[in-house]
N, C-alpha and C. Protein backbone atom coordinates (compact mmCIF):
# COMPACT_ATOMS: atom_id res chain seq x y z
N MET A 1 51.45 115.79 135.07
CA MET A 1 51.81 114.63 134.31
C MET A 1 53.18 114.82 133.64
N SER A 2 53.49 115.99 133.20
CA SER A 2 54.77 116.22 132.56
C SER A 2 55.92 116.03 133.56
N GLU A 3 55.67 116.29 134.86
CA GLU A 3 56.70 116.07 135.87
C GLU A 3 57.04 114.59 135.98
N ASP A 4 55.99 113.72 135.95
CA ASP A 4 56.21 112.28 136.01
C ASP A 4 57.03 111.80 134.82
N ARG A 5 56.70 112.35 133.69
CA ARG A 5 57.42 111.94 132.46
C ARG A 5 58.87 112.40 132.54
N ASP A 6 59.11 113.62 133.01
CA ASP A 6 60.47 114.12 133.15
C ASP A 6 61.27 113.26 134.12
N LYS A 7 60.62 112.81 135.22
CA LYS A 7 61.31 111.96 136.19
C LYS A 7 61.68 110.62 135.55
N GLU A 8 60.79 110.07 134.71
CA GLU A 8 61.07 108.80 134.04
C GLU A 8 62.27 108.93 133.10
N ILE A 9 62.30 110.03 132.37
CA ILE A 9 63.39 110.24 131.43
C ILE A 9 64.70 110.37 132.18
N ARG A 10 64.69 111.17 133.27
CA ARG A 10 65.91 111.35 134.04
C ARG A 10 66.34 110.06 134.72
N ARG A 11 65.39 109.32 135.24
CA ARG A 11 65.69 108.06 135.91
C ARG A 11 66.27 107.07 134.89
N GLY A 12 65.69 107.02 133.71
CA GLY A 12 66.18 106.13 132.65
C GLY A 12 67.60 106.49 132.25
N ALA A 13 67.89 107.77 132.19
CA ALA A 13 69.23 108.21 131.82
C ALA A 13 70.23 107.88 132.92
N ASP A 14 69.79 107.97 134.17
CA ASP A 14 70.68 107.69 135.28
C ASP A 14 70.95 106.19 135.44
N GLU A 15 69.95 105.37 135.18
CA GLU A 15 70.06 103.95 135.45
C GLU A 15 70.84 103.19 134.39
N SER A 16 70.76 103.60 133.14
CA SER A 16 71.48 102.85 132.11
C SER A 16 72.24 103.80 131.21
N THR A 17 73.45 103.43 130.98
CA THR A 17 74.29 104.23 130.09
C THR A 17 74.76 103.32 128.97
N ASP A 18 74.47 103.74 127.77
CA ASP A 18 74.94 102.97 126.63
C ASP A 18 76.36 103.40 126.29
N VAL A 19 77.19 102.45 126.08
CA VAL A 19 78.57 102.72 125.71
C VAL A 19 78.72 102.35 124.25
N LEU A 20 79.13 103.33 123.49
CA LEU A 20 79.37 103.06 122.08
C LEU A 20 80.79 102.55 121.92
N VAL A 21 80.93 101.44 121.26
CA VAL A 21 82.24 100.87 121.01
C VAL A 21 82.50 100.97 119.52
N ARG A 22 83.57 101.63 119.19
CA ARG A 22 83.93 101.77 117.79
C ARG A 22 85.02 100.76 117.47
N LYS A 23 84.82 100.05 116.40
CA LYS A 23 85.84 99.12 115.96
C LYS A 23 86.84 99.87 115.11
N ARG A 24 88.09 99.64 115.41
CA ARG A 24 89.15 100.26 114.61
C ARG A 24 89.49 99.33 113.46
N LEU A 25 89.56 99.90 112.30
CA LEU A 25 89.93 99.11 111.13
C LEU A 25 91.44 98.97 111.09
N LYS A 26 91.89 97.75 110.86
CA LYS A 26 93.33 97.54 110.72
C LYS A 26 93.74 97.89 109.31
N ARG A 27 94.92 98.45 109.21
CA ARG A 27 95.47 98.71 107.89
C ARG A 27 95.81 97.37 107.27
N PRO A 28 95.57 97.22 105.98
CA PRO A 28 95.90 95.94 105.35
C PRO A 28 97.41 95.73 105.32
N LYS A 29 97.81 94.47 105.40
CA LYS A 29 99.22 94.15 105.30
C LYS A 29 99.68 94.53 103.89
N MET A 30 100.82 95.16 103.82
CA MET A 30 101.33 95.63 102.54
C MET A 30 102.42 94.69 102.03
N PHE A 31 102.50 94.59 100.70
CA PHE A 31 103.45 93.69 100.06
C PHE A 31 104.31 94.44 99.06
N ARG A 32 105.60 94.12 99.08
CA ARG A 32 106.52 94.67 98.09
C ARG A 32 106.45 93.82 96.83
N VAL A 33 106.44 94.47 95.68
CA VAL A 33 106.53 93.76 94.41
C VAL A 33 108.00 93.88 93.98
N ILE A 34 108.66 92.73 93.90
CA ILE A 34 110.10 92.71 93.64
C ILE A 34 110.39 92.12 92.26
N PHE A 35 111.18 92.86 91.48
CA PHE A 35 111.66 92.39 90.18
C PHE A 35 113.00 91.71 90.40
N HIS A 36 113.22 90.60 89.70
CA HIS A 36 114.49 89.87 89.78
C HIS A 36 115.21 89.94 88.44
N ASN A 37 116.51 90.10 88.50
CA ASN A 37 117.32 90.19 87.29
C ASN A 37 117.45 88.82 86.62
N ASP A 38 117.51 88.83 85.30
CA ASP A 38 117.83 87.63 84.54
C ASP A 38 118.66 88.07 83.33
N ASP A 39 119.19 87.11 82.61
CA ASP A 39 120.08 87.43 81.49
C ASP A 39 119.36 87.64 80.16
N TYR A 40 118.04 87.49 80.14
CA TYR A 40 117.33 87.51 78.86
C TYR A 40 116.31 88.64 78.70
N THR A 41 115.67 89.05 79.78
CA THR A 41 114.68 90.12 79.68
C THR A 41 115.39 91.42 79.35
N THR A 42 114.91 92.10 78.34
CA THR A 42 115.59 93.34 77.91
C THR A 42 115.35 94.47 78.89
N ARG A 43 116.30 95.37 78.92
CA ARG A 43 116.20 96.54 79.79
C ARG A 43 115.01 97.41 79.37
N ASP A 44 114.82 97.56 78.07
CA ASP A 44 113.71 98.37 77.57
C ASP A 44 112.37 97.80 78.01
N PHE A 45 112.25 96.48 78.02
CA PHE A 45 111.00 95.84 78.44
C PHE A 45 110.74 96.14 79.91
N VAL A 46 111.76 96.04 80.74
CA VAL A 46 111.61 96.31 82.18
C VAL A 46 111.20 97.76 82.40
N VAL A 47 111.83 98.68 81.70
CA VAL A 47 111.47 100.11 81.82
C VAL A 47 110.02 100.33 81.40
N MET A 48 109.63 99.72 80.29
CA MET A 48 108.26 99.87 79.79
C MET A 48 107.24 99.35 80.81
N VAL A 49 107.51 98.18 81.39
CA VAL A 49 106.59 97.58 82.38
C VAL A 49 106.51 98.45 83.63
N LEU A 50 107.64 98.95 84.09
CA LEU A 50 107.64 99.81 85.28
C LEU A 50 106.84 101.09 85.05
N MET A 51 106.91 101.62 83.85
CA MET A 51 106.14 102.81 83.53
C MET A 51 104.65 102.49 83.39
N GLN A 52 104.34 101.41 82.71
CA GLN A 52 102.94 101.08 82.41
C GLN A 52 102.18 100.54 83.62
N TYR A 53 102.78 99.64 84.38
CA TYR A 53 102.06 98.98 85.47
C TYR A 53 102.32 99.58 86.85
N PHE A 54 103.46 100.27 86.99
CA PHE A 54 103.82 100.81 88.30
C PHE A 54 103.88 102.33 88.29
N HIS A 55 103.49 102.93 87.17
CA HIS A 55 103.34 104.38 87.03
C HIS A 55 104.61 105.16 87.41
N LYS A 56 105.75 104.63 86.97
CA LYS A 56 107.02 105.30 87.18
C LYS A 56 107.28 106.23 86.00
N SER A 57 107.99 107.32 86.27
CA SER A 57 108.43 108.18 85.17
C SER A 57 109.54 107.44 84.44
N HIS A 58 109.91 107.93 83.26
CA HIS A 58 110.97 107.27 82.49
C HIS A 58 112.28 107.23 83.29
N SER A 59 112.61 108.34 83.94
CA SER A 59 113.87 108.38 84.70
C SER A 59 113.81 107.46 85.93
N GLU A 60 112.66 107.42 86.62
CA GLU A 60 112.52 106.51 87.77
C GLU A 60 112.62 105.05 87.32
N ALA A 61 111.96 104.73 86.22
CA ALA A 61 111.97 103.37 85.70
C ALA A 61 113.38 102.96 85.27
N THR A 62 114.09 103.88 84.64
CA THR A 62 115.46 103.58 84.21
C THR A 62 116.38 103.36 85.40
N THR A 63 116.26 104.21 86.40
CA THR A 63 117.07 104.07 87.62
C THR A 63 116.79 102.74 88.30
N LEU A 64 115.52 102.39 88.42
CA LEU A 64 115.15 101.12 89.06
C LEU A 64 115.62 99.94 88.23
N MET A 65 115.50 100.02 86.92
CA MET A 65 115.96 98.94 86.04
C MET A 65 117.47 98.72 86.23
N LEU A 66 118.23 99.79 86.34
CA LEU A 66 119.68 99.66 86.55
C LEU A 66 119.99 99.06 87.92
N GLN A 67 119.20 99.41 88.91
CA GLN A 67 119.36 98.81 90.24
C GLN A 67 119.10 97.30 90.17
N ILE A 68 118.03 96.93 89.50
CA ILE A 68 117.69 95.50 89.34
C ILE A 68 118.83 94.78 88.62
N HIS A 69 119.35 95.41 87.58
CA HIS A 69 120.42 94.80 86.79
C HIS A 69 121.71 94.63 87.59
N THR A 70 122.08 95.64 88.37
CA THR A 70 123.36 95.59 89.10
C THR A 70 123.26 94.87 90.44
N GLN A 71 122.12 94.99 91.13
CA GLN A 71 122.00 94.40 92.47
C GLN A 71 121.23 93.08 92.48
N GLY A 72 120.65 92.71 91.35
CA GLY A 72 119.95 91.44 91.27
C GLY A 72 118.46 91.50 91.52
N LYS A 73 118.01 92.56 92.18
CA LYS A 73 116.58 92.74 92.39
C LYS A 73 116.29 94.18 92.79
N GLY A 74 115.00 94.55 92.69
CA GLY A 74 114.59 95.90 93.05
C GLY A 74 113.11 95.94 93.34
N ILE A 75 112.71 96.84 94.22
CA ILE A 75 111.31 96.96 94.64
C ILE A 75 110.58 97.94 93.72
N ALA A 76 109.54 97.44 93.06
CA ALA A 76 108.77 98.28 92.14
C ALA A 76 107.68 99.07 92.85
N GLY A 77 107.18 98.54 93.97
CA GLY A 77 106.12 99.24 94.68
C GLY A 77 105.66 98.47 95.90
N LEU A 78 104.82 99.13 96.69
CA LEU A 78 104.27 98.57 97.92
C LEU A 78 102.75 98.69 97.83
N TYR A 79 102.05 97.52 97.91
CA TYR A 79 100.62 97.49 97.68
C TYR A 79 99.94 96.49 98.62
N PRO A 80 98.62 96.65 98.82
CA PRO A 80 97.88 95.59 99.52
C PRO A 80 97.98 94.29 98.70
N ARG A 81 97.79 93.16 99.36
CA ARG A 81 98.02 91.85 98.75
C ARG A 81 97.34 91.67 97.39
N ASP A 82 96.04 91.97 97.30
CA ASP A 82 95.32 91.71 96.05
C ASP A 82 95.86 92.53 94.89
N ILE A 83 96.22 93.76 95.14
CA ILE A 83 96.77 94.61 94.08
C ILE A 83 98.17 94.12 93.70
N ALA A 84 98.99 93.78 94.69
CA ALA A 84 100.33 93.28 94.42
C ALA A 84 100.28 92.00 93.59
N GLU A 85 99.38 91.09 93.95
CA GLU A 85 99.26 89.83 93.20
C GLU A 85 98.78 90.09 91.77
N SER A 86 97.84 91.01 91.61
CA SER A 86 97.35 91.35 90.27
C SER A 86 98.46 91.91 89.40
N LYS A 87 99.23 92.85 89.93
CA LYS A 87 100.32 93.44 89.17
C LYS A 87 101.35 92.38 88.79
N LYS A 88 101.69 91.50 89.74
CA LYS A 88 102.65 90.42 89.47
C LYS A 88 102.15 89.54 88.33
N MET A 89 100.89 89.12 88.39
CA MET A 89 100.33 88.25 87.35
C MET A 89 100.29 88.94 85.99
N GLN A 90 99.88 90.21 85.98
CA GLN A 90 99.79 90.95 84.72
C GLN A 90 101.16 91.09 84.06
N VAL A 91 102.16 91.45 84.85
CA VAL A 91 103.50 91.68 84.31
C VAL A 91 104.11 90.36 83.83
N GLU A 92 103.99 89.30 84.65
CA GLU A 92 104.55 88.01 84.24
C GLU A 92 103.84 87.46 83.00
N SER A 93 102.54 87.68 82.90
CA SER A 93 101.79 87.24 81.73
C SER A 93 102.28 87.97 80.47
N LEU A 94 102.46 89.28 80.59
CA LEU A 94 102.97 90.06 79.46
C LEU A 94 104.37 89.60 79.07
N ALA A 95 105.20 89.33 80.07
CA ALA A 95 106.56 88.86 79.80
C ALA A 95 106.53 87.54 79.03
N ARG A 96 105.62 86.65 79.38
CA ARG A 96 105.51 85.36 78.67
C ARG A 96 105.08 85.58 77.22
N GLU A 97 104.18 86.53 77.00
CA GLU A 97 103.76 86.85 75.63
C GLU A 97 104.95 87.29 74.78
N TYR A 98 105.87 88.01 75.41
CA TYR A 98 107.06 88.48 74.71
C TYR A 98 108.23 87.50 74.83
N GLU A 99 107.93 86.31 75.37
CA GLU A 99 108.91 85.23 75.55
C GLU A 99 110.11 85.67 76.37
N MET A 100 109.81 86.33 77.48
CA MET A 100 110.86 86.77 78.40
C MET A 100 110.63 86.09 79.74
N PRO A 101 111.72 85.68 80.42
CA PRO A 101 111.58 84.95 81.67
C PRO A 101 111.50 85.84 82.92
N LEU A 102 111.07 87.06 82.77
CA LEU A 102 111.01 87.99 83.90
C LEU A 102 110.26 87.36 85.07
N ARG A 103 110.86 87.48 86.26
CA ARG A 103 110.26 86.90 87.46
C ARG A 103 110.06 87.99 88.51
N LEU A 104 108.87 87.99 89.09
CA LEU A 104 108.55 88.91 90.18
C LEU A 104 108.17 88.08 91.39
N THR A 105 108.44 88.62 92.56
CA THR A 105 108.00 87.97 93.80
C THR A 105 107.34 89.02 94.68
N LEU A 106 106.61 88.53 95.69
CA LEU A 106 105.99 89.40 96.67
C LEU A 106 106.62 89.12 98.03
N GLU A 107 106.76 90.17 98.80
CA GLU A 107 107.36 90.06 100.13
C GLU A 107 106.59 90.98 101.07
N THR A 108 106.24 90.49 102.25
CA THR A 108 105.50 91.36 103.18
C THR A 108 106.38 92.52 103.62
N GLU A 109 105.72 93.60 103.93
CA GLU A 109 106.44 94.83 104.29
C GLU A 109 107.28 94.65 105.55
N ASP A 110 106.82 93.83 106.51
CA ASP A 110 107.51 93.71 107.78
C ASP A 110 108.67 92.72 107.77
N VAL A 111 108.96 92.09 106.64
CA VAL A 111 110.09 91.17 106.57
C VAL A 111 111.38 91.96 106.77
N GLY A 112 112.20 91.49 107.70
CA GLY A 112 113.48 92.14 107.94
C GLY A 112 113.41 93.26 108.94
N LYS A 113 112.24 93.67 109.39
CA LYS A 113 112.13 94.72 110.39
C LYS A 113 112.22 94.11 111.78
N GLU A 114 112.89 94.80 112.67
CA GLU A 114 112.95 94.34 114.05
C GLU A 114 111.74 94.89 114.78
N GLU A 115 111.19 94.06 115.67
CA GLU A 115 110.04 94.50 116.44
C GLU A 115 110.55 95.18 117.71
N ASN A 116 109.90 96.27 118.07
CA ASN A 116 110.24 96.95 119.32
C ASN A 116 109.54 96.25 120.46
N GLY A 117 110.26 95.99 121.55
CA GLY A 117 109.57 95.39 122.69
C GLY A 117 110.28 94.32 123.25
């Protein structure tokens, strides 16, 4: 009887093969959080926000603030959409509390990149 059972198991293995299909997870689209220069938001406020919300060191925040001031804008960080939107809302809300017109925008990571192919 064990021979019959062994034949069934072998026959079953030979007749059908299960193929496991693994789904690959796509990386989320990333967004740049961009600060824009204006004539009223203080430099100290921008440095403070960059340190508090974007976890920059004082020297990194100061360098980025100067870039924003001289070039008109600067990238504070690269995040998935929900995090980028949250940071933008938090910073702009804080700026309004301090009566500053600081403006941030979001831009997808692939903007300006050429596609190969």
